[in-house]
Amino acid sequence: MIWILQAIAVMLSVVGTPFVVKKKWQGHAIWACANVLWIYIDVRSGVYLQAALFGYYLCAAVWGALKWRKDQKSK
């Protein structure tokens, strides 16, 4: 079962990357979803430091989406 969640998290991470490269807000949202899934997987597996790393990535994805939104409004 856990490998299915890992596969979904990998796919979300990969799919989100081109959106971020093209400066689309959807990339940050996709990454945020992937990071939540990675945190769940890591906590369930007992890999707490890696879960903390993905928690940091989650914060960065949310911050990026908010900054992107703010920048778009100021144009």
C-alpha atoms as a PDB file:
ATOM      1  CA  MET A   1       0.000   0.000   0.000  1.00  0.00           C
ATOM      2  CA  ILE A   2       2.744   2.476   0.919  1.00  0.00           C
ATOM      3  CA  TRP A   3       4.381   2.066  -2.488  1.00  0.00           C
ATOM      4  CA  ILE A   4       1.186   3.343  -4.137  1.00  0.00           C
ATOM      5  CA  LEU A   5       1.329   6.492  -2.019  1.00  0.00           C
ATOM      6  CA  GLN A   6       5.011   6.874  -2.868  1.00  0.00           C
ATOM      7  CA  ALA A   7       4.254   6.533  -6.578  1.00  0.00           C
ATOM      8  CA  ILE A   8       1.531   9.182  -6.354  1.00  0.00           C
ATOM      9  CA  ALA A   9       3.842  11.517  -4.425  1.00  0.00           C
ATOM     10  CA  VAL A  10       6.592  11.073  -7.021  1.00  0.00           C
ATOM     11  CA  MET A  11       4.158  11.739  -9.876  1.00  0.00           C
ATOM     12  CA  LEU A  12       2.843  14.879  -8.195  1.00  0.00           C
ATOM     13  CA  SER A  13       6.391  16.109  -7.589  1.00  0.00           C
ATOM     14  CA  VAL A  14       7.375  15.509 -11.207  1.00  0.00           C
ATOM     15  CA  VAL A  15       4.190  17.014 -12.651  1.00  0.00           C
ATOM     16  CA  GLY A  16       4.510  20.123 -10.467  1.00  0.00           C
ATOM     17  CA  THR A  17       8.028  20.926 -11.614  1.00  0.00           C
ATOM     18  CA  PRO A  18       7.232  22.142 -15.171  1.00  0.00           C
ATOM     19  CA  PHE A  19       4.473  24.352 -13.776  1.00  0.00           C
ATOM     20  CA  VAL A  20       6.928  26.012 -11.405  1.00  0.00           C
ATOM     21  CA  VAL A  21       9.513  26.396 -14.177  1.00  0.00           C
ATOM     22  CA  LYS A  22       6.847  28.100 -16.312  1.00  0.00           C
ATOM     23  CA  LYS A  23       5.978  30.303 -13.321  1.00  0.00           C
ATOM     24  CA  LYS A  24       2.442  28.941 -12.923  1.00  0.00           C
ATOM     25  CA  TRP A  25       0.851  28.959  -9.461  1.00  0.00           C
ATOM     26  CA  GLN A  26      -0.502  25.461 -10.013  1.00  0.00           C
ATOM     27  CA  GLY A  27       3.015  24.084  -9.587  1.00  0.00           C
ATOM     28  CA  HIS A  28       3.193  25.311  -6.009  1.00  0.00           C
ATOM     29  CA  ALA A  29      -0.228  23.820  -5.265  1.00  0.00           C
ATOM     30  CA  ILE A  30       0.777  20.463  -6.757  1.00  0.00           C
ATOM     31  CA  TRP A  31       4.056  20.509  -4.810  1.00  0.00           C
ATOM     32  CA  ALA A  32       2.176  21.328  -1.606  1.00  0.00           C
ATOM     33  CA  CYS A  33      -0.057  18.279  -2.121  1.00  0.00           C
ATOM     34  CA  ALA A  34       2.982  16.105  -2.832  1.00  0.00           C
ATOM     35  CA  ASN A  35       4.729  17.392   0.291  1.00  0.00           C
ATOM     36  CA  VAL A  36       1.743  16.611   2.498  1.00  0.00           C
ATOM     37  CA  LEU A  37       1.748  13.099   1.104  1.00  0.00           C
ATOM     38  CA  TRP A  38       5.521  12.741   1.661  1.00  0.00           C
ATOM     39  CA  ILE A  39       5.138  13.928   5.250  1.00  0.00           C
ATOM     40  CA  TYR A  40       2.469  11.278   5.849  1.00  0.00           C
ATOM     41  CA  ILE A  41       4.612   8.562   4.246  1.00  0.00           C
ATOM     42  CA  ASP A  42       7.705   9.544   6.232  1.00  0.00           C
ATOM     43  CA  VAL A  43       5.920   9.810   9.585  1.00  0.00           C
ATOM     44  CA  ARG A  44       4.251   6.457   9.003  1.00  0.00           C
ATOM     45  CA  SER A  45       7.644   4.956   8.139  1.00  0.00           C
ATOM     46  CA  GLY A  46       9.361   6.536  11.149  1.00  0.00           C
ATOM     47  CA  VAL A  47      11.603   8.778   9.039  1.00  0.00           C
ATOM     48  CA  TYR A  48      10.953  11.884  11.105  1.00  0.00           C
ATOM     49  CA  LEU A  49      13.850  14.050   9.955  1.00  0.00           C
ATOM     50  CA  GLN A  50      12.858  13.581   6.334  1.00  0.00           C
ATOM     51  CA  ALA A  51       9.258  14.396   7.295  1.00  0.00           C
ATOM     52  CA  ALA A  52      10.583  17.633   8.805  1.00  0.00           C
ATOM     53  CA  LEU A  53      12.404  18.372   5.538  1.00  0.00           C
ATOM     54  CA  PHE A  54       9.182  17.915   3.575  1.00  0.00           C
ATOM     55  CA  GLY A  55       7.436  20.114   6.138  1.00  0.00           C
ATOM     56  CA  TYR A  56       9.950  22.814   5.240  1.00  0.00           C
ATOM     57  CA  TYR A  57       9.287  22.190   1.532  1.00  0.00           C
ATOM     58  CA  LEU A  58       5.554  22.487   2.225  1.00  0.00           C
ATOM     59  CA  CYS A  59       6.095  25.880   3.824  1.00  0.00           C
ATOM     60  CA  ALA A  60       8.223  26.944   0.842  1.00  0.00           C
ATOM     61  CA  ALA A  61       5.518  25.828  -1.608  1.00  0.00           C
ATOM     62  CA  VAL A  62       2.801  27.735   0.263  1.00  0.00           C
ATOM     63  CA  TRP A  63       5.048  30.803   0.533  1.00  0.00           C
ATOM     64  CA  GLY A  64       5.826  30.577  -3.198  1.00  0.00           C
ATOM     65  CA  ALA A  65       2.144  30.386  -4.119  1.00  0.00           C
ATOM     66  CA  LEU A  66       1.288  33.362  -1.895  1.00  0.00           C
ATOM     67  CA  LYS A  67       4.206  35.408  -3.261  1.00  0.00           C
ATOM     68  CA  TRP A  68       3.236  34.557  -6.819  1.00  0.00           C
ATOM     69  CA  ARG A  69      -0.339  35.653  -6.129  1.00  0.00           C
ATOM     70  CA  LYS A  70       0.825  38.906  -4.547  1.00  0.00           C
ATOM     71  CA  ASP A  71       3.172  39.620  -7.468  1.00  0.00           C
ATOM     72  CA  GLN A  72       0.394  38.978  -9.983  1.00  0.00           C
ATOM     73  CA  LYS A  73      -1.950  41.395  -8.202  1.00  0.00           C
ATOM     74  CA  SER A  74       0.659  44.155  -8.241  1.00  0.00           C
ATOM     75  CA  LYS A  75       1.038  44.004 -12.050  1.00  0.00           C
END
